[in-house]
N, C-alpha and C. Protein backbone atom coordinates (compact mmCIF):
# COMPACT_ATOMS: atom_id res chain seq x y z
N THR A 1 96.75 109.13 96.85
CA THR A 1 95.73 108.24 96.32
C THR A 1 95.07 108.94 95.14
N PHE A 2 94.77 108.20 94.12
CA PHE A 2 94.19 108.76 92.91
C PHE A 2 92.78 108.23 92.74
N PHE A 3 91.82 109.10 92.58
CA PHE A 3 90.45 108.69 92.38
C PHE A 3 89.95 109.25 91.06
N PRO A 4 89.27 108.44 90.26
CA PRO A 4 88.74 108.94 88.99
C PRO A 4 87.57 109.88 89.25
N LEU A 5 87.32 110.74 88.30
CA LEU A 5 86.17 111.64 88.35
C LEU A 5 85.01 111.00 87.61
N PHE A 6 83.79 111.25 88.06
CA PHE A 6 82.64 110.67 87.39
C PHE A 6 81.80 111.77 86.74
N ASP A 7 81.39 111.51 85.52
CA ASP A 7 80.53 112.42 84.78
C ASP A 7 79.09 112.07 85.19
N LYS A 8 78.46 112.95 85.98
CA LYS A 8 77.12 112.66 86.50
C LYS A 8 76.09 112.51 85.40
N GLY A 9 76.35 113.10 84.25
CA GLY A 9 75.38 113.05 83.16
C GLY A 9 75.18 111.66 82.60
N ASN A 10 76.25 110.89 82.46
CA ASN A 10 76.07 109.57 81.87
C ASN A 10 76.72 108.44 82.68
N GLY A 11 77.24 108.75 83.90
CA GLY A 11 77.77 107.71 84.77
C GLY A 11 79.08 107.10 84.30
N ARG A 12 79.74 107.75 83.35
CA ARG A 12 81.01 107.22 82.87
C ARG A 12 82.16 107.76 83.69
N CYS A 13 83.20 107.00 83.77
CA CYS A 13 84.42 107.40 84.48
C CYS A 13 85.27 108.25 83.54
N ILE A 14 85.72 109.39 84.01
CA ILE A 14 86.61 110.24 83.23
C ILE A 14 88.03 109.98 83.74
N VAL A 15 88.88 109.49 82.88
CA VAL A 15 90.26 109.20 83.27
C VAL A 15 91.06 110.49 83.14
N THR A 16 91.59 110.95 84.25
CA THR A 16 92.37 112.19 84.22
C THR A 16 93.73 111.92 83.60
N GLU A 17 94.42 112.98 83.21
CA GLU A 17 95.76 112.85 82.65
C GLU A 17 96.70 112.22 83.67
N GLU A 18 96.51 112.56 84.95
CA GLU A 18 97.37 112.02 86.00
C GLU A 18 97.21 110.50 86.09
N ILE A 19 95.98 110.01 86.05
CA ILE A 19 95.72 108.57 86.09
C ILE A 19 96.30 107.91 84.84
N GLN A 20 96.13 108.53 83.67
CA GLN A 20 96.64 107.96 82.44
C GLN A 20 98.16 107.86 82.50
N ALA A 21 98.84 108.88 83.03
CA ALA A 21 100.31 108.85 83.13
C ALA A 21 100.75 107.72 84.05
N ILE A 22 100.05 107.53 85.16
CA ILE A 22 100.39 106.44 86.08
C ILE A 22 100.17 105.10 85.40
N LYS A 23 99.05 104.99 84.68
CA LYS A 23 98.76 103.74 83.97
C LYS A 23 99.89 103.43 82.99
N GLU A 24 100.37 104.44 82.26
CA GLU A 24 101.45 104.22 81.30
C GLU A 24 102.74 103.82 82.01
N ASP A 25 103.05 104.46 83.14
CA ASP A 25 104.25 104.10 83.90
C ASP A 25 104.19 102.65 84.36
N PHE A 26 103.05 102.24 84.91
CA PHE A 26 102.91 100.87 85.40
C PHE A 26 102.90 99.88 84.25
N SER A 27 102.27 100.24 83.14
CA SER A 27 102.19 99.34 82.00
C SER A 27 103.58 99.02 81.46
N ASN A 28 104.48 100.00 81.51
CA ASN A 28 105.83 99.78 80.99
C ASN A 28 106.56 98.69 81.79
N GLY A 29 106.31 98.62 83.08
CA GLY A 29 107.02 97.64 83.89
C GLY A 29 106.19 96.44 84.29
N TYR A 30 104.87 96.54 84.23
CA TYR A 30 104.03 95.48 84.76
C TYR A 30 102.99 94.95 83.79
N GLY A 31 103.17 95.19 82.52
CA GLY A 31 102.23 94.67 81.53
C GLY A 31 100.96 95.49 81.49
N ASP A 32 99.91 94.94 80.91
CA ASP A 32 98.66 95.66 80.74
C ASP A 32 98.00 95.91 82.09
N MET A 33 97.67 97.17 82.35
CA MET A 33 97.01 97.52 83.60
C MET A 33 95.74 98.31 83.29
N THR A 34 94.69 97.98 84.00
CA THR A 34 93.44 98.70 83.84
C THR A 34 93.34 99.78 84.90
N LEU A 35 92.40 100.67 84.74
CA LEU A 35 92.17 101.71 85.74
C LEU A 35 91.84 101.07 87.09
N ASN A 36 91.04 99.99 87.07
CA ASN A 36 90.70 99.31 88.32
C ASN A 36 91.93 98.75 89.01
N THR A 37 92.89 98.25 88.22
CA THR A 37 94.13 97.74 88.79
C THR A 37 94.89 98.87 89.46
N ILE A 38 94.95 100.04 88.82
CA ILE A 38 95.65 101.19 89.40
C ILE A 38 94.97 101.63 90.69
N ILE A 39 93.64 101.71 90.68
CA ILE A 39 92.91 102.10 91.89
C ILE A 39 93.14 101.08 93.00
N SER A 40 93.10 99.80 92.66
CA SER A 40 93.33 98.74 93.64
C SER A 40 94.74 98.86 94.20
N TYR A 41 95.73 99.10 93.31
CA TYR A 41 97.11 99.25 93.76
C TYR A 41 97.25 100.45 94.70
N THR A 42 96.67 101.59 94.34
CA THR A 42 96.81 102.78 95.18
C THR A 42 96.08 102.60 96.51
N ASN A 43 94.92 101.93 96.49
CA ASN A 43 94.21 101.67 97.75
C ASN A 43 95.03 100.74 98.66
N THR A 44 95.64 99.72 98.07
CA THR A 44 96.49 98.81 98.84
C THR A 44 97.69 99.55 99.39
N THR A 45 98.31 100.41 98.57
CA THR A 45 99.45 101.20 99.01
C THR A 45 99.06 102.13 100.15
N GLU A 46 97.91 102.76 100.03
CA GLU A 46 97.45 103.66 101.08
C GLU A 46 97.21 102.87 102.38
N TYR A 47 96.63 101.69 102.27
CA TYR A 47 96.40 100.85 103.45
C TYR A 47 97.73 100.52 104.12
N ALA A 48 98.71 100.11 103.30
CA ALA A 48 100.03 99.75 103.84
C ALA A 48 100.67 100.95 104.53
N MET A 49 100.60 102.11 103.91
CA MET A 49 101.22 103.31 104.48
C MET A 49 100.58 103.69 105.81
N ASN A 50 99.29 103.41 105.95
CA ASN A 50 98.58 103.80 107.15
C ASN A 50 98.57 102.75 108.25
N ASN A 51 98.85 101.48 107.93
CA ASN A 51 98.67 100.42 108.91
C ASN A 51 99.88 99.53 109.17
N TRP A 52 100.82 99.45 108.26
CA TRP A 52 101.95 98.56 108.45
C TRP A 52 103.04 99.23 109.28
N PRO A 53 103.79 98.43 110.06
CA PRO A 53 104.93 98.99 110.78
C PRO A 53 106.06 99.34 109.81
N THR A 54 106.98 100.15 110.27
CA THR A 54 108.09 100.62 109.45
C THR A 54 109.40 100.05 109.97
N ILE A 55 110.26 99.66 109.06
CA ILE A 55 111.63 99.29 109.40
C ILE A 55 112.51 100.44 108.93
N LYS A 56 113.46 100.83 109.78
CA LYS A 56 114.38 101.92 109.43
C LYS A 56 115.80 101.44 109.72
N LEU A 57 116.70 101.63 108.76
CA LEU A 57 118.10 101.25 108.92
C LEU A 57 118.96 102.49 109.08
N ASN A 58 119.87 102.42 110.03
CA ASN A 58 120.84 103.49 110.27
C ASN A 58 122.24 102.95 110.02
N ILE A 59 123.17 103.84 109.81
CA ILE A 59 124.58 103.47 109.59
C ILE A 59 125.43 104.29 110.55
N THR A 60 126.35 103.61 111.24
CA THR A 60 127.29 104.33 112.09
C THR A 60 128.68 103.71 111.93
N PRO A 61 129.73 104.53 111.84
CA PRO A 61 129.69 105.97 111.67
C PRO A 61 129.20 106.34 110.26
N GLU A 62 128.82 107.58 110.12
CA GLU A 62 128.28 108.08 108.86
C GLU A 62 129.27 107.84 107.72
N ASN A 63 128.75 107.47 106.55
CA ASN A 63 129.52 107.24 105.32
C ASN A 63 130.50 106.07 105.42
N SER A 64 130.27 105.16 106.35
CA SER A 64 131.18 104.01 106.50
C SER A 64 130.69 102.77 105.76
N GLY A 65 129.54 102.85 105.14
CA GLY A 65 129.00 101.72 104.40
C GLY A 65 127.63 102.03 103.87
N THR A 66 127.00 101.00 103.29
CA THR A 66 125.64 101.13 102.77
C THR A 66 124.79 99.98 103.30
N THR A 67 123.47 100.14 103.18
CA THR A 67 122.55 99.09 103.59
C THR A 67 121.58 98.78 102.47
N ALA A 68 120.91 97.65 102.62
CA ALA A 68 119.88 97.24 101.67
C ALA A 68 118.75 96.57 102.45
N ILE A 69 117.53 96.80 102.02
CA ILE A 69 116.37 96.11 102.57
C ILE A 69 115.75 95.31 101.45
N ASN A 70 115.61 94.01 101.67
CA ASN A 70 115.00 93.13 100.68
C ASN A 70 115.70 93.23 99.33
N GLY A 71 117.02 93.39 99.36
CA GLY A 71 117.82 93.46 98.14
C GLY A 71 117.88 94.81 97.47
N GLU A 72 117.22 95.81 98.02
CA GLU A 72 117.21 97.15 97.43
C GLU A 72 118.30 97.99 98.07
N GLU A 73 119.39 98.21 97.34
CA GLU A 73 120.53 98.99 97.83
C GLU A 73 120.15 100.42 98.14
N GLY A 74 120.68 100.93 99.23
CA GLY A 74 120.49 102.33 99.58
C GLY A 74 119.13 102.63 100.20
N VAL A 75 118.25 101.65 100.29
CA VAL A 75 116.94 101.86 100.90
C VAL A 75 117.13 101.83 102.42
N THR A 76 116.65 102.87 103.10
CA THR A 76 116.83 102.93 104.55
C THR A 76 115.52 102.83 105.31
N THR A 77 114.39 102.97 104.62
CA THR A 77 113.09 102.88 105.28
C THR A 77 112.14 102.10 104.39
N LYS A 78 111.39 101.19 105.01
CA LYS A 78 110.43 100.39 104.25
C LYS A 78 109.30 99.95 105.18
N ARG A 79 108.12 99.80 104.64
CA ARG A 79 106.98 99.29 105.41
C ARG A 79 106.72 97.85 105.00
N ALA A 80 106.29 97.05 105.96
CA ALA A 80 105.97 95.65 105.68
C ALA A 80 104.91 95.21 106.68
N PRO A 81 104.16 94.18 106.33
CA PRO A 81 103.14 93.69 107.26
C PRO A 81 103.79 93.17 108.54
N ALA A 82 103.06 93.24 109.65
CA ALA A 82 103.57 92.72 110.92
C ALA A 82 103.91 91.24 110.76
N ASP A 83 104.95 90.81 111.46
CA ASP A 83 105.46 89.43 111.45
C ASP A 83 106.05 89.02 110.11
N TYR A 84 106.33 89.98 109.25
CA TYR A 84 106.95 89.70 107.95
C TYR A 84 108.46 89.57 108.14
N GLN A 85 109.03 88.54 107.55
CA GLN A 85 110.49 88.37 107.62
C GLN A 85 111.10 89.02 106.38
N ILE A 86 112.08 89.87 106.63
CA ILE A 86 112.66 90.64 105.53
C ILE A 86 114.19 90.64 105.66
N PRO A 87 114.89 90.38 104.55
CA PRO A 87 116.36 90.39 104.61
C PRO A 87 116.92 91.81 104.61
N ILE A 88 117.95 92.02 105.42
CA ILE A 88 118.68 93.28 105.42
C ILE A 88 120.15 92.95 105.20
N ALA A 89 120.88 93.89 104.62
CA ALA A 89 122.30 93.66 104.33
C ALA A 89 123.09 94.94 104.56
N ALA A 90 124.33 94.75 104.97
CA ALA A 90 125.24 95.88 105.18
C ALA A 90 126.52 95.62 104.38
N THR A 91 126.98 96.65 103.68
CA THR A 91 128.21 96.55 102.88
C THR A 91 129.14 97.67 103.29
N PRO A 92 130.36 97.33 103.75
CA PRO A 92 131.28 98.38 104.18
C PRO A 92 131.84 99.19 103.02
N ALA A 93 132.14 100.45 103.29
CA ALA A 93 132.83 101.31 102.33
C ALA A 93 134.32 100.93 102.36
N THR A 94 135.06 101.38 101.37
CA THR A 94 136.49 101.13 101.33
C THR A 94 137.15 101.63 102.61
N GLY A 95 137.95 100.78 103.22
CA GLY A 95 138.68 101.16 104.43
C GLY A 95 137.91 100.86 105.71
N TYR A 96 136.72 100.28 105.61
CA TYR A 96 135.91 99.93 106.77
C TYR A 96 135.58 98.44 106.74
N HIS A 97 135.16 97.92 107.87
CA HIS A 97 134.65 96.55 107.93
C HIS A 97 133.37 96.53 108.76
N PHE A 98 132.52 95.56 108.46
CA PHE A 98 131.25 95.42 109.17
C PHE A 98 131.52 94.84 110.56
N VAL A 99 130.88 95.41 111.59
CA VAL A 99 131.01 94.91 112.96
C VAL A 99 129.77 94.10 113.34
N ASN A 100 128.58 94.76 113.31
CA ASN A 100 127.35 94.07 113.67
C ASN A 100 126.12 94.92 113.37
N TRP A 101 124.98 94.27 113.45
CA TRP A 101 123.68 94.93 113.44
C TRP A 101 123.22 95.02 114.88
N THR A 102 122.68 96.16 115.28
CA THR A 102 122.08 96.28 116.60
C THR A 102 120.71 96.91 116.48
N GLY A 103 119.87 96.58 117.43
CA GLY A 103 118.52 97.13 117.51
C GLY A 103 117.97 96.83 118.88
N THR A 104 116.76 97.21 119.14
CA THR A 104 116.15 96.91 120.43
C THR A 104 116.07 95.39 120.60
N ASP A 105 116.76 94.89 121.61
CA ASP A 105 116.80 93.45 121.89
C ASP A 105 117.26 92.63 120.68
N TYR A 106 118.16 93.19 119.88
CA TYR A 106 118.63 92.48 118.69
C TYR A 106 120.10 92.77 118.46
N GLU A 107 120.84 91.73 118.11
CA GLU A 107 122.23 91.89 117.69
C GLU A 107 122.58 90.71 116.79
N SER A 108 123.29 91.01 115.71
CA SER A 108 123.76 89.97 114.79
C SER A 108 125.09 90.39 114.20
N THR A 109 126.00 89.46 114.10
CA THR A 109 127.30 89.74 113.48
C THR A 109 127.32 89.33 112.00
N ASP A 110 126.18 88.91 111.49
CA ASP A 110 126.07 88.56 110.07
C ASP A 110 125.69 89.81 109.27
N ALA A 111 126.50 90.16 108.30
CA ALA A 111 126.23 91.36 107.49
C ALA A 111 124.92 91.23 106.73
N THR A 112 124.57 90.02 106.32
CA THR A 112 123.29 89.76 105.68
C THR A 112 122.50 88.86 106.62
N THR A 113 121.33 89.33 107.01
CA THR A 113 120.52 88.60 107.97
C THR A 113 119.05 88.84 107.67
N THR A 114 118.19 88.08 108.30
CA THR A 114 116.74 88.26 108.13
C THR A 114 116.15 88.67 109.46
N ILE A 115 115.35 89.71 109.43
CA ILE A 115 114.71 90.20 110.64
C ILE A 115 113.19 90.05 110.50
N THR A 116 112.51 90.05 111.63
CA THR A 116 111.06 89.99 111.62
C THR A 116 110.53 91.33 112.09
N ILE A 117 109.66 91.92 111.28
CA ILE A 117 109.07 93.20 111.63
C ILE A 117 107.86 92.93 112.52
N SER A 118 107.73 93.69 113.58
CA SER A 118 106.57 93.53 114.45
C SER A 118 105.92 94.88 114.68
N GLY A 119 104.73 94.83 115.24
CA GLY A 119 104.02 96.07 115.53
C GLY A 119 102.94 96.35 114.51
N GLY A 120 102.47 97.58 114.53
CA GLY A 120 101.40 97.98 113.62
C GLY A 120 101.56 99.44 113.26
N LYS A 121 100.45 100.08 113.06
CA LYS A 121 100.40 101.47 112.64
C LYS A 121 101.26 102.35 113.56
N GLY A 122 102.14 103.11 112.96
CA GLY A 122 102.96 104.06 113.71
C GLY A 122 104.19 103.47 114.38
N VAL A 123 104.36 102.14 114.35
CA VAL A 123 105.52 101.52 114.99
C VAL A 123 106.70 101.55 114.04
N VAL A 124 107.82 102.08 114.51
CA VAL A 124 109.05 102.13 113.73
C VAL A 124 110.10 101.28 114.46
N THR A 125 110.61 100.27 113.78
CA THR A 125 111.66 99.43 114.34
C THR A 125 112.97 99.80 113.64
N GLU A 126 113.96 100.19 114.45
CA GLU A 126 115.23 100.64 113.89
C GLU A 126 116.33 99.63 114.13
N PHE A 127 117.17 99.48 113.13
CA PHE A 127 118.36 98.65 113.22
C PHE A 127 119.53 99.50 112.74
N THR A 128 120.68 99.31 113.38
CA THR A 128 121.87 100.07 113.01
C THR A 128 122.95 99.13 112.51
N ALA A 129 123.49 99.44 111.33
CA ALA A 129 124.65 98.72 110.79
C ALA A 129 125.88 99.44 111.34
N ASN A 130 126.65 98.73 112.16
CA ASN A 130 127.83 99.31 112.79
C ASN A 130 129.08 98.88 112.01
N PHE A 131 129.86 99.86 111.61
CA PHE A 131 131.09 99.61 110.88
C PHE A 131 132.25 100.18 111.70
N ALA A 132 133.47 99.73 111.42
CA ALA A 132 134.66 100.28 112.06
C ALA A 132 135.73 100.47 110.99
N ILE A 133 136.53 101.47 111.20
CA ILE A 133 137.61 101.74 110.24
C ILE A 133 138.68 100.66 110.38
N ASN A 134 139.29 100.29 109.28
CA ASN A 134 140.37 99.30 109.31
C ASN A 134 141.61 99.91 109.95
N ILE A 135 142.26 99.13 110.79
CA ILE A 135 143.51 99.53 111.43
C ILE A 135 144.58 98.53 111.00
N TYR A 136 145.71 99.06 110.55
CA TYR A 136 146.77 98.22 110.02
C TYR A 136 147.99 98.26 110.93
N ASN A 137 148.63 97.09 111.11
CA ASN A 137 149.89 97.03 111.85
C ASN A 137 151.02 97.41 110.90
N ILE A 138 151.94 98.22 111.41
CA ILE A 138 153.09 98.65 110.60
C ILE A 138 154.33 97.94 111.14
N ASN A 139 154.97 97.16 110.29
CA ASN A 139 156.19 96.45 110.65
C ASN A 139 157.27 96.83 109.65
N VAL A 140 158.36 97.37 110.15
CA VAL A 140 159.44 97.79 109.26
C VAL A 140 160.71 97.07 109.71
N THR A 141 161.40 96.48 108.77
CA THR A 141 162.68 95.84 109.07
C THR A 141 163.72 96.32 108.06
N ALA A 142 164.95 96.30 108.49
CA ALA A 142 166.05 96.71 107.60
C ALA A 142 166.98 95.52 107.39
N GLY A 143 167.51 95.46 106.23
CA GLY A 143 168.50 94.43 105.95
C GLY A 143 169.86 94.89 106.47
N GLU A 144 170.92 94.17 106.10
CA GLU A 144 172.27 94.54 106.53
C GLU A 144 172.63 95.91 106.01
N GLY A 145 173.31 96.67 106.83
CA GLY A 145 173.82 97.95 106.37
C GLY A 145 172.97 99.15 106.72
N GLY A 146 171.96 98.99 107.56
CA GLY A 146 171.17 100.16 107.90
C GLY A 146 170.08 99.89 108.91
N ASN A 147 169.31 100.94 109.16
CA ASN A 147 168.18 100.87 110.09
C ASN A 147 166.93 101.38 109.39
N ALA A 148 165.78 100.91 109.86
CA ALA A 148 164.50 101.39 109.32
C ALA A 148 163.53 101.53 110.48
N SER A 149 162.66 102.53 110.38
CA SER A 149 161.66 102.73 111.43
C SER A 149 160.40 103.34 110.82
N ALA A 150 159.32 103.26 111.61
CA ALA A 150 158.04 103.86 111.22
C ALA A 150 157.61 104.82 112.32
N SER A 151 156.86 105.85 111.95
CA SER A 151 156.41 106.83 112.93
C SER A 151 155.28 106.30 113.81
N ALA A 152 154.72 105.15 113.47
CA ALA A 152 153.65 104.55 114.28
C ALA A 152 153.68 103.04 114.12
N ALA A 153 153.19 102.33 115.14
CA ALA A 153 153.12 100.88 115.08
C ALA A 153 151.82 100.41 114.42
N THR A 154 150.79 101.27 114.47
CA THR A 154 149.50 100.98 113.81
C THR A 154 149.02 102.25 113.13
N ALA A 155 148.13 102.07 112.15
CA ALA A 155 147.58 103.23 111.45
C ALA A 155 146.19 102.91 110.95
N GLU A 156 145.29 103.91 111.04
CA GLU A 156 143.95 103.78 110.48
C GLU A 156 144.01 103.93 108.97
N HIS A 157 143.08 103.30 108.29
CA HIS A 157 142.97 103.42 106.84
C HIS A 157 142.90 104.91 106.46
N GLY A 158 143.72 105.31 105.51
CA GLY A 158 143.71 106.68 105.04
C GLY A 158 144.65 107.62 105.77
N SER A 159 145.23 107.17 106.88
CA SER A 159 146.16 108.06 107.61
C SER A 159 147.57 107.89 107.05
N GLU A 160 148.43 108.82 107.41
CA GLU A 160 149.81 108.79 106.92
C GLU A 160 150.75 108.27 107.98
N VAL A 161 151.75 107.52 107.54
CA VAL A 161 152.81 107.01 108.41
C VAL A 161 154.12 107.34 107.71
N THR A 162 155.06 107.86 108.47
CA THR A 162 156.37 108.18 107.90
C THR A 162 157.31 107.00 108.11
N LEU A 163 157.93 106.55 107.03
CA LEU A 163 158.93 105.49 107.10
C LEU A 163 160.30 106.13 106.91
N THR A 164 161.23 105.73 107.75
CA THR A 164 162.57 106.29 107.68
C THR A 164 163.59 105.16 107.48
N ALA A 165 164.49 105.37 106.54
CA ALA A 165 165.57 104.40 106.29
C ALA A 165 166.89 105.14 106.41
N GLU A 166 167.81 104.60 107.21
CA GLU A 166 169.12 105.20 107.39
C GLU A 166 170.20 104.16 107.11
N ALA A 167 171.16 104.56 106.29
CA ALA A 167 172.28 103.67 105.99
C ALA A 167 173.34 103.81 107.07
N ASN A 168 174.00 102.71 107.41
CA ASN A 168 175.14 102.75 108.33
C ASN A 168 176.29 103.48 107.63
N ASP A 169 177.23 103.97 108.44
CA ASP A 169 178.41 104.61 107.87
C ASP A 169 179.12 103.63 106.93
N GLY A 170 179.50 104.17 105.79
CA GLY A 170 180.26 103.37 104.85
C GLY A 170 179.40 102.60 103.92
């Protein structure tokens, strides 16, 4: 939280360099901002951090995909007011597919869904995006004049399978 300093001699607010830098950062993305707007924003942010429940997204297995909260890719933790409905999304990595979302008393097979955050200060609600590796069926056939085989009938994405082709005599 950022608070301005006051000059006791004349009652004027002294804007610190830190406040000015924040004002410039916000002005670039949000138009003209006054010091009061910055203080109001930081007070609101502090209130949210201290009183709103937290949503946390997990991914299993590790590195099998990504998640998004409210359209923000890669965000895994966010605070929101109680009873707020917020969209979450799961995107599988190459070679994986989405299975489901799970949480306390919650399950959904929709990769993009909307959840309701409940609770208050200190409450963390966790949801897990469950992914599974793709498994492929291996089918090998040979035409006239030979045989063909595979070292496995199925294979996980990224694994190796040996294919063998043998010609008949002659």
